[in-house]
Amino acid sequence: MNDYIGIKLEKERIKKVLPHIKGKLLDLGCGNNKLKEVYGKGIGVDVYEWGNVDLVVNDTSKIPLEEKSVDTITIIAALNHIPNRGKVLDECHRLLSENGHLVITMIPPIISTVWHFLRKPWDIDQSERGMKEGEVYGLKSNQIIALASESNFKLKHISSFMFNINKLYVFSKK
């Protein structure tokens, strides 16, 4: 079955994120690596091989790249799928250049739970990879901001999109 809605949502997320990307991109939890493909440069990292991942790692809190080697790190609809979120955001801080940005998109838990239930027959993420221990259905804004703050990031921008369901967060280093 084709996931027409999933593809449409992916395009909308990419459209919202693109203006906030500068320089070398690291897309964490890249899935099919579509963001890097559209942006044109960078590296897509994931813990699962979706067929077009640049770097598959066992733990996204240990990425084999140089300190301060990327200008933008994106985590698009994926932070909730990372069990060790705090350690991963610490790693993002290590990898990000001094004037770089961390860009995150997320939907809230209730909507995410319903959404995943309704999309299960078409969602390859659920049918192939499934939910692992520590993963959750979405995160609240205050949770994302607190996690980022604990990893020495400060919120620079927040906006809603897709009928005000999704949120986009842009952080810089403190």
N, C-alpha and C. Protein backbone atom coordinates (compact mmCIF):
# COMPACT_ATOMS: atom_id res chain seq x y z
N MET A 1 0.83 -1.19 0.00
CA MET A 1 0.00 0.00 0.00
C MET A 1 0.87 1.26 0.00
N ASN A 2 0.44 2.26 -0.71
CA ASN A 2 1.16 3.52 -0.71
C ASN A 2 0.71 4.39 0.45
N ASP A 3 1.66 5.09 1.03
CA ASP A 3 1.40 5.96 2.18
C ASP A 3 1.32 7.40 1.69
N TYR A 4 0.25 7.72 0.96
CA TYR A 4 0.10 9.05 0.37
C TYR A 4 0.07 10.15 1.43
N ILE A 5 -0.61 9.91 2.54
CA ILE A 5 -0.69 10.92 3.59
C ILE A 5 0.68 11.12 4.23
N GLY A 6 1.38 10.03 4.51
CA GLY A 6 2.72 10.12 5.09
C GLY A 6 3.69 10.89 4.19
N ILE A 7 3.61 10.64 2.90
CA ILE A 7 4.47 11.35 1.94
C ILE A 7 4.14 12.84 1.92
N LYS A 8 2.86 13.17 1.93
CA LYS A 8 2.43 14.57 1.95
C LYS A 8 2.92 15.27 3.22
N LEU A 9 2.80 14.63 4.36
CA LEU A 9 3.25 15.21 5.62
C LEU A 9 4.76 15.39 5.64
N GLU A 10 5.48 14.42 5.10
CA GLU A 10 6.93 14.54 5.01
C GLU A 10 7.32 15.77 4.19
N LYS A 11 6.66 15.98 3.07
CA LYS A 11 6.93 17.15 2.23
C LYS A 11 6.65 18.45 2.98
N GLU A 12 5.56 18.48 3.75
CA GLU A 12 5.21 19.68 4.52
C GLU A 12 6.25 19.96 5.60
N ARG A 13 6.72 18.92 6.27
CA ARG A 13 7.76 19.11 7.29
C ARG A 13 9.04 19.65 6.66
N ILE A 14 9.44 19.06 5.55
CA ILE A 14 10.66 19.50 4.87
C ILE A 14 10.52 20.97 4.45
N LYS A 15 9.39 21.33 3.89
CA LYS A 15 9.14 22.71 3.47
C LYS A 15 9.26 23.68 4.65
N LYS A 16 8.80 23.28 5.81
CA LYS A 16 8.86 24.13 7.00
C LYS A 16 10.28 24.22 7.56
N VAL A 17 11.04 23.16 7.46
CA VAL A 17 12.38 23.10 8.04
C VAL A 17 13.44 23.76 7.15
N LEU A 18 13.32 23.63 5.85
CA LEU A 18 14.36 24.11 4.92
C LEU A 18 14.85 25.53 5.16
N PRO A 19 13.99 26.51 5.43
CA PRO A 19 14.49 27.87 5.64
C PRO A 19 15.40 28.01 6.87
N HIS A 20 15.39 27.04 7.76
CA HIS A 20 16.19 27.13 8.98
C HIS A 20 17.51 26.37 8.88
N ILE A 21 17.77 25.76 7.72
CA ILE A 21 19.01 25.01 7.52
C ILE A 21 20.06 25.92 6.89
N LYS A 22 21.26 25.86 7.44
CA LYS A 22 22.38 26.58 6.85
C LYS A 22 23.63 25.70 6.96
N GLY A 23 24.52 25.82 6.00
CA GLY A 23 25.77 25.09 6.04
C GLY A 23 25.60 23.59 5.99
N LYS A 24 26.52 22.90 6.67
CA LYS A 24 26.53 21.44 6.67
C LYS A 24 25.41 20.91 7.57
N LEU A 25 24.60 20.03 7.01
CA LEU A 25 23.44 19.46 7.67
C LEU A 25 23.74 18.07 8.22
N LEU A 26 23.25 17.81 9.43
CA LEU A 26 23.20 16.47 10.00
C LEU A 26 21.74 16.23 10.33
N ASP A 27 21.10 15.29 9.63
CA ASP A 27 19.70 14.96 9.89
C ASP A 27 19.68 13.69 10.72
N LEU A 28 19.30 13.83 11.97
CA LEU A 28 19.31 12.74 12.93
C LEU A 28 17.94 12.06 12.96
N GLY A 29 17.93 10.75 12.78
CA GLY A 29 16.66 10.03 12.62
C GLY A 29 16.11 10.30 11.23
N CYS A 30 16.99 10.24 10.25
CA CYS A 30 16.71 10.70 8.89
C CYS A 30 15.70 9.85 8.12
N GLY A 31 15.43 8.63 8.58
CA GLY A 31 14.51 7.78 7.83
C GLY A 31 15.00 7.56 6.42
N ASN A 32 14.19 7.92 5.44
CA ASN A 32 14.56 7.71 4.03
C ASN A 32 15.52 8.78 3.49
N ASN A 33 15.97 9.67 4.34
CA ASN A 33 16.98 10.69 4.00
C ASN A 33 16.47 11.71 2.99
N LYS A 34 15.19 11.93 2.94
CA LYS A 34 14.58 12.85 1.98
C LYS A 34 15.00 14.30 2.23
N LEU A 35 15.14 14.71 3.51
CA LEU A 35 15.54 16.09 3.80
C LEU A 35 16.91 16.40 3.21
N LYS A 36 17.87 15.51 3.41
CA LYS A 36 19.20 15.72 2.84
C LYS A 36 19.14 15.75 1.32
N GLU A 37 18.34 14.89 0.75
CA GLU A 37 18.18 14.84 -0.71
C GLU A 37 17.66 16.18 -1.24
N VAL A 38 16.67 16.73 -0.57
CA VAL A 38 16.09 18.01 -1.00
C VAL A 38 17.06 19.16 -0.75
N TYR A 39 17.72 19.17 0.41
CA TYR A 39 18.67 20.24 0.75
C TYR A 39 19.91 20.16 -0.14
N GLY A 40 20.36 18.97 -0.44
CA GLY A 40 21.44 18.80 -1.40
C GLY A 40 22.81 18.48 -0.81
N LYS A 41 22.97 18.61 0.50
CA LYS A 41 24.26 18.26 1.10
C LYS A 41 24.06 17.94 2.57
N GLY A 42 25.02 17.23 3.13
CA GLY A 42 24.95 16.86 4.53
C GLY A 42 25.01 15.36 4.71
N ILE A 43 24.56 14.92 5.88
CA ILE A 43 24.61 13.51 6.21
C ILE A 43 23.35 13.13 6.98
N GLY A 44 22.77 12.00 6.60
CA GLY A 44 21.60 11.47 7.29
C GLY A 44 22.00 10.30 8.16
N VAL A 45 21.63 10.36 9.43
CA VAL A 45 21.99 9.33 10.41
C VAL A 45 20.72 8.71 10.97
N ASP A 46 20.74 7.39 11.14
CA ASP A 46 19.60 6.70 11.73
C ASP A 46 20.12 5.42 12.40
N VAL A 47 19.29 4.82 13.23
CA VAL A 47 19.62 3.54 13.86
C VAL A 47 19.06 2.37 13.06
N TYR A 48 18.33 2.68 12.03
CA TYR A 48 17.71 1.66 11.20
C TYR A 48 18.03 1.95 9.74
N GLU A 49 18.33 0.93 8.99
CA GLU A 49 18.65 1.10 7.56
C GLU A 49 17.36 1.17 6.75
N TRP A 50 17.04 2.37 6.32
CA TRP A 50 15.82 2.57 5.53
C TRP A 50 16.11 2.50 4.03
N GLY A 51 17.35 2.19 3.65
CA GLY A 51 17.69 2.04 2.25
C GLY A 51 18.46 3.21 1.66
N ASN A 52 18.43 4.35 2.32
CA ASN A 52 19.12 5.52 1.78
C ASN A 52 19.84 6.30 2.89
N VAL A 53 20.11 5.65 4.01
CA VAL A 53 20.76 6.29 5.15
C VAL A 53 22.26 6.38 4.89
N ASP A 54 22.85 7.54 5.19
CA ASP A 54 24.29 7.71 4.99
C ASP A 54 25.10 6.99 6.06
N LEU A 55 24.61 7.06 7.30
CA LEU A 55 25.35 6.48 8.42
C LEU A 55 24.36 5.81 9.37
N VAL A 56 24.47 4.49 9.49
CA VAL A 56 23.65 3.75 10.44
C VAL A 56 24.49 3.51 11.68
N VAL A 57 23.95 3.90 12.85
CA VAL A 57 24.65 3.75 14.12
C VAL A 57 23.77 2.97 15.09
N ASN A 58 24.40 2.37 16.09
CA ASN A 58 23.65 1.66 17.12
C ASN A 58 23.06 2.63 18.14
N ASP A 59 23.73 3.76 18.34
CA ASP A 59 23.35 4.72 19.37
C ASP A 59 23.62 6.12 18.85
N THR A 60 22.57 6.91 18.71
CA THR A 60 22.73 8.26 18.16
C THR A 60 23.33 9.24 19.17
N SER A 61 23.69 8.77 20.36
CA SER A 61 24.42 9.63 21.28
C SER A 61 25.93 9.48 21.09
N LYS A 62 26.31 8.65 20.12
CA LYS A 62 27.72 8.41 19.81
C LYS A 62 27.90 8.42 18.30
N ILE A 63 27.98 9.61 17.73
CA ILE A 63 28.10 9.74 16.28
C ILE A 63 29.56 10.01 15.95
N PRO A 64 30.15 9.22 15.08
CA PRO A 64 31.58 9.34 14.79
C PRO A 64 31.91 10.51 13.85
N LEU A 65 31.66 11.71 14.34
CA LEU A 65 32.01 12.94 13.62
C LEU A 65 32.79 13.85 14.55
N GLU A 66 33.55 14.76 13.95
CA GLU A 66 34.35 15.71 14.71
C GLU A 66 33.49 16.69 15.49
N GLU A 67 34.00 17.14 16.62
CA GLU A 67 33.35 18.18 17.41
C GLU A 67 33.16 19.44 16.57
N LYS A 68 32.00 20.07 16.70
CA LYS A 68 31.66 21.33 16.01
C LYS A 68 31.77 21.21 14.49
N SER A 69 31.44 20.03 13.94
CA SER A 69 31.64 19.79 12.51
C SER A 69 30.41 20.02 11.64
N VAL A 70 29.26 20.34 12.25
CA VAL A 70 28.05 20.59 11.46
C VAL A 70 27.42 21.92 11.87
N ASP A 71 26.70 22.52 10.94
CA ASP A 71 26.10 23.83 11.17
C ASP A 71 24.62 23.76 11.54
N THR A 72 23.96 22.73 11.07
CA THR A 72 22.54 22.53 11.39
C THR A 72 22.31 21.06 11.69
N ILE A 73 21.63 20.80 12.79
CA ILE A 73 21.20 19.45 13.11
C ILE A 73 19.68 19.47 13.14
N THR A 74 19.08 18.55 12.41
CA THR A 74 17.62 18.44 12.40
C THR A 74 17.21 17.10 13.02
N ILE A 75 16.13 17.16 13.76
CA ILE A 75 15.49 15.95 14.29
C ILE A 75 14.01 16.12 13.96
N ILE A 76 13.62 15.59 12.83
CA ILE A 76 12.29 15.81 12.28
C ILE A 76 11.36 14.66 12.65
N ALA A 77 10.41 14.96 13.51
CA ALA A 77 9.41 13.97 13.95
C ALA A 77 10.08 12.69 14.45
N ALA A 78 11.22 12.84 15.14
CA ALA A 78 11.96 11.65 15.56
C ALA A 78 12.44 11.69 17.01
N LEU A 79 12.45 12.84 17.67
CA LEU A 79 12.99 12.90 19.03
C LEU A 79 12.25 11.95 19.97
N ASN A 80 10.97 11.77 19.76
CA ASN A 80 10.19 10.85 20.59
C ASN A 80 10.58 9.39 20.38
N HIS A 81 11.23 9.08 19.26
CA HIS A 81 11.67 7.72 18.97
C HIS A 81 13.08 7.45 19.48
N ILE A 82 13.67 8.41 20.19
CA ILE A 82 15.02 8.27 20.73
C ILE A 82 14.91 8.05 22.24
N PRO A 83 15.18 6.83 22.72
CA PRO A 83 15.03 6.57 24.15
C PRO A 83 15.95 7.40 25.05
N ASN A 84 17.19 7.61 24.64
CA ASN A 84 18.16 8.37 25.44
C ASN A 84 18.25 9.81 24.92
N ARG A 85 17.11 10.50 24.92
CA ARG A 85 17.00 11.83 24.34
C ARG A 85 18.02 12.83 24.90
N GLY A 86 18.21 12.84 26.21
CA GLY A 86 19.14 13.78 26.83
C GLY A 86 20.57 13.58 26.34
N LYS A 87 21.02 12.34 26.28
CA LYS A 87 22.37 12.05 25.81
C LYS A 87 22.53 12.42 24.33
N VAL A 88 21.49 12.19 23.56
CA VAL A 88 21.54 12.53 22.13
C VAL A 88 21.62 14.05 21.95
N LEU A 89 20.86 14.80 22.74
CA LEU A 89 20.93 16.26 22.64
C LEU A 89 22.30 16.77 23.11
N ASP A 90 22.91 16.11 24.10
CA ASP A 90 24.28 16.45 24.49
C ASP A 90 25.24 16.23 23.32
N GLU A 91 25.03 15.13 22.59
CA GLU A 91 25.86 14.84 21.42
C GLU A 91 25.63 15.89 20.32
N CYS A 92 24.40 16.32 20.17
CA CYS A 92 24.10 17.39 19.21
C CYS A 92 24.88 18.65 19.57
N HIS A 93 24.92 18.97 20.85
CA HIS A 93 25.66 20.15 21.31
C HIS A 93 27.14 20.02 20.98
N ARG A 94 27.70 18.83 21.15
CA ARG A 94 29.11 18.59 20.84
C ARG A 94 29.38 18.76 19.34
N LEU A 95 28.49 18.28 18.51
CA LEU A 95 28.70 18.28 17.06
C LEU A 95 28.42 19.62 16.40
N LEU A 96 27.60 20.44 17.02
CA LEU A 96 27.13 21.68 16.40
C LEU A 96 28.17 22.79 16.49
N SER A 97 28.37 23.49 15.38
CA SER A 97 29.28 24.64 15.36
C SER A 97 28.76 25.72 16.31
N GLU A 98 29.60 26.64 16.69
CA GLU A 98 29.23 27.67 17.67
C GLU A 98 28.00 28.48 17.27
N ASN A 99 27.85 28.79 16.00
CA ASN A 99 26.71 29.57 15.53
C ASN A 99 25.65 28.71 14.85
N GLY A 100 25.71 27.41 15.10
CA GLY A 100 24.78 26.49 14.45
C GLY A 100 23.41 26.46 15.10
N HIS A 101 22.51 25.71 14.48
CA HIS A 101 21.14 25.58 14.96
C HIS A 101 20.72 24.12 15.07
N LEU A 102 19.94 23.85 16.08
CA LEU A 102 19.27 22.56 16.24
C LEU A 102 17.81 22.80 15.92
N VAL A 103 17.27 22.05 14.96
CA VAL A 103 15.89 22.22 14.50
C VAL A 103 15.14 20.91 14.79
N ILE A 104 14.03 21.04 15.52
CA ILE A 104 13.23 19.88 15.91
C ILE A 104 11.78 20.12 15.50
N THR A 105 11.12 19.09 14.99
CA THR A 105 9.66 19.15 14.80
C THR A 105 9.04 18.03 15.61
N MET A 106 7.81 18.29 16.09
CA MET A 106 7.15 17.29 16.91
C MET A 106 5.65 17.57 16.99
N ILE A 107 4.88 16.50 17.17
CA ILE A 107 3.46 16.62 17.46
C ILE A 107 3.24 16.18 18.91
N PRO A 108 2.15 16.64 19.53
CA PRO A 108 1.90 16.28 20.94
C PRO A 108 1.50 14.82 21.10
N PRO A 109 1.68 14.28 22.31
CA PRO A 109 1.45 12.85 22.55
C PRO A 109 0.06 12.33 22.20
N ILE A 110 -0.97 13.03 22.55
CA ILE A 110 -2.32 12.52 22.29
C ILE A 110 -2.56 12.39 20.79
N ILE A 111 -2.21 13.42 20.05
CA ILE A 111 -2.40 13.38 18.59
C ILE A 111 -1.52 12.30 17.98
N SER A 112 -0.30 12.17 18.48
CA SER A 112 0.62 11.16 17.96
C SER A 112 0.09 9.75 18.19
N THR A 113 -0.47 9.51 19.36
CA THR A 113 -1.01 8.18 19.68
C THR A 113 -2.14 7.83 18.71
N VAL A 114 -3.07 8.74 18.53
CA VAL A 114 -4.19 8.51 17.62
C VAL A 114 -3.68 8.35 16.18
N TRP A 115 -2.78 9.24 15.79
CA TRP A 115 -2.22 9.23 14.44
C TRP A 115 -1.55 7.90 14.13
N HIS A 116 -0.69 7.42 15.05
CA HIS A 116 0.00 6.14 14.82
C HIS A 116 -1.00 4.98 14.73
N PHE A 117 -2.03 5.01 15.53
CA PHE A 117 -3.05 3.96 15.49
C PHE A 117 -3.76 3.96 14.13
N LEU A 118 -4.18 5.14 13.67
CA LEU A 118 -4.92 5.22 12.41
C LEU A 118 -4.05 4.85 11.20
N ARG A 119 -2.77 5.19 11.25
CA ARG A 119 -1.88 4.97 10.11
C ARG A 119 -1.18 3.62 10.11
N LYS A 120 -1.37 2.84 11.12
CA LYS A 120 -0.61 1.59 11.25
C LYS A 120 -0.58 0.74 9.98
N PRO A 121 -1.69 0.56 9.27
CA PRO A 121 -1.64 -0.29 8.07
C PRO A 121 -0.72 0.25 6.96
N TRP A 122 -0.46 1.55 6.92
CA TRP A 122 0.35 2.16 5.85
C TRP A 122 1.72 2.60 6.31
N ASP A 123 1.97 2.58 7.61
CA ASP A 123 3.19 3.16 8.17
C ASP A 123 4.30 2.12 8.23
N ILE A 124 5.26 2.24 7.33
CA ILE A 124 6.37 1.29 7.25
C ILE A 124 7.20 1.31 8.53
N ASP A 125 7.27 2.49 9.19
CA ASP A 125 8.02 2.59 10.43
C ASP A 125 7.45 1.64 11.48
N GLN A 126 6.15 1.56 11.56
CA GLN A 126 5.52 0.67 12.54
C GLN A 126 5.58 -0.79 12.12
N SER A 127 5.41 -1.05 10.84
CA SER A 127 5.37 -2.44 10.39
C SER A 127 6.77 -3.06 10.30
N GLU A 128 7.79 -2.27 9.98
CA GLU A 128 9.14 -2.81 9.83
C GLU A 128 9.98 -2.70 11.09
N ARG A 129 9.94 -1.52 11.72
CA ARG A 129 10.82 -1.28 12.86
C ARG A 129 10.09 -1.43 14.18
N GLY A 130 8.90 -0.87 14.28
CA GLY A 130 8.13 -0.94 15.51
C GLY A 130 8.65 0.00 16.59
N MET A 131 7.92 0.09 17.68
CA MET A 131 8.31 0.94 18.81
C MET A 131 9.21 0.14 19.74
N LYS A 132 10.30 0.75 20.16
CA LYS A 132 11.25 0.12 21.08
C LYS A 132 11.07 0.69 22.48
N GLU A 133 11.65 0.02 23.46
CA GLU A 133 11.57 0.48 24.84
C GLU A 133 12.14 1.89 24.95
N GLY A 134 11.42 2.77 25.63
CA GLY A 134 11.85 4.15 25.81
C GLY A 134 11.29 5.12 24.79
N GLU A 135 10.74 4.59 23.69
CA GLU A 135 10.11 5.47 22.71
C GLU A 135 8.73 5.86 23.21
N VAL A 136 8.28 7.04 22.82
CA VAL A 136 6.97 7.53 23.23
C VAL A 136 6.25 8.10 22.01
N TYR A 137 4.95 8.25 22.15
CA TYR A 137 4.16 8.85 21.08
C TYR A 137 4.11 10.36 21.29
N GLY A 138 5.04 11.07 20.68
CA GLY A 138 5.06 12.52 20.74
C GLY A 138 5.63 13.05 22.04
N LEU A 139 5.93 14.35 22.04
CA LEU A 139 6.43 15.05 23.22
C LEU A 139 5.73 16.40 23.30
N LYS A 140 5.51 16.88 24.50
CA LYS A 140 4.92 18.20 24.71
C LYS A 140 5.99 19.27 24.55
N SER A 141 5.55 20.48 24.23
CA SER A 141 6.48 21.59 24.04
C SER A 141 7.38 21.80 25.25
N ASN A 142 6.79 21.80 26.44
CA ASN A 142 7.60 22.04 27.64
C ASN A 142 8.65 20.95 27.84
N GLN A 143 8.36 19.72 27.42
CA GLN A 143 9.34 18.64 27.52
C GLN A 143 10.50 18.87 26.56
N ILE A 144 10.21 19.26 25.34
CA ILE A 144 11.26 19.50 24.34
C ILE A 144 12.14 20.66 24.77
N ILE A 145 11.54 21.74 25.20
CA ILE A 145 12.30 22.92 25.62
C ILE A 145 13.16 22.60 26.83
N ALA A 146 12.62 21.85 27.80
CA ALA A 146 13.39 21.48 28.99
C ALA A 146 14.56 20.56 28.63
N LEU A 147 14.32 19.56 27.79
CA LEU A 147 15.40 18.66 27.37
C LEU A 147 16.52 19.44 26.67
N ALA A 148 16.14 20.33 25.79
CA ALA A 148 17.14 21.13 25.06
C ALA A 148 17.91 22.03 26.02
N SER A 149 17.22 22.64 26.95
CA SER A 149 17.86 23.52 27.93
C SER A 149 18.87 22.75 28.78
N GLU A 150 18.51 21.54 29.19
CA GLU A 150 19.42 20.70 29.99
C GLU A 150 20.68 20.35 29.22
N SER A 151 20.62 20.40 27.90
CA SER A 151 21.79 20.12 27.05
C SER A 151 22.44 21.41 26.55
N ASN A 152 22.17 22.52 27.23
CA ASN A 152 22.78 23.82 26.94
C ASN A 152 22.36 24.44 25.62
N PHE A 153 21.09 24.27 25.28
CA PHE A 153 20.52 24.95 24.12
C PHE A 153 19.52 25.98 24.62
N LYS A 154 19.36 27.04 23.85
CA LYS A 154 18.32 28.03 24.16
C LYS A 154 17.39 28.16 22.95
N LEU A 155 16.12 28.31 23.26
CA LEU A 155 15.09 28.41 22.23
C LEU A 155 15.21 29.76 21.52
N LYS A 156 15.30 29.72 20.19
CA LYS A 156 15.38 30.94 19.38
C LYS A 156 14.06 31.22 18.66
N HIS A 157 13.34 30.14 18.32
CA HIS A 157 12.13 30.30 17.51
C HIS A 157 11.23 29.08 17.73
N ILE A 158 9.94 29.35 17.78
CA ILE A 158 8.96 28.26 17.82
C ILE A 158 7.78 28.70 16.96
N SER A 159 7.27 27.79 16.15
CA SER A 159 6.09 28.09 15.33
C SER A 159 5.30 26.81 15.10
N SER A 160 4.05 26.98 14.77
CA SER A 160 3.16 25.86 14.48
C SER A 160 2.94 25.75 12.98
N PHE A 161 2.65 24.55 12.53
CA PHE A 161 2.31 24.33 11.12
C PHE A 161 1.43 23.10 11.02
N MET A 162 0.94 22.82 9.83
CA MET A 162 0.03 21.70 9.58
C MET A 162 -1.17 21.78 10.52
N PHE A 163 -1.99 22.79 10.32
CA PHE A 163 -3.20 22.99 11.12
C PHE A 163 -2.90 23.20 12.60
N ASN A 164 -1.73 23.76 12.90
CA ASN A 164 -1.28 24.02 14.27
C ASN A 164 -1.09 22.75 15.09
N ILE A 165 -0.94 21.63 14.42
CA ILE A 165 -0.71 20.36 15.13
C ILE A 165 0.78 20.15 15.36
N ASN A 166 1.58 20.36 14.34
CA ASN A 166 3.03 20.22 14.43
C ASN A 166 3.64 21.50 14.95
N LYS A 167 4.77 21.34 15.65
CA LYS A 167 5.53 22.51 16.08
C LYS A 167 6.95 22.38 15.57
N LEU A 168 7.53 23.54 15.23
CA LEU A 168 8.92 23.63 14.81
C LEU A 168 9.66 24.43 15.87
N TYR A 169 10.77 23.89 16.34
CA TYR A 169 11.61 24.53 17.35
C TYR A 169 12.99 24.75 16.74
N VAL A 170 13.54 25.94 16.95
CA VAL A 170 14.91 26.23 16.53
C VAL A 170 15.67 26.65 17.78
N PHE A 171 16.77 25.95 18.04
CA PHE A 171 17.60 26.22 19.20
C PHE A 171 19.00 26.61 18.76
N SER A 172 19.67 27.40 19.58
CA SER A 172 21.09 27.68 19.41
C SER A 172 21.80 27.29 20.70
N LYS A 173 23.11 27.26 20.66
CA LYS A 173 23.89 26.96 21.86
C LYS A 173 23.76 28.13 22.83
N LYS A 174 23.74 27.81 24.14
CA LYS A 174 23.73 28.85 25.17
C LYS A 174 25.10 29.50 25.24
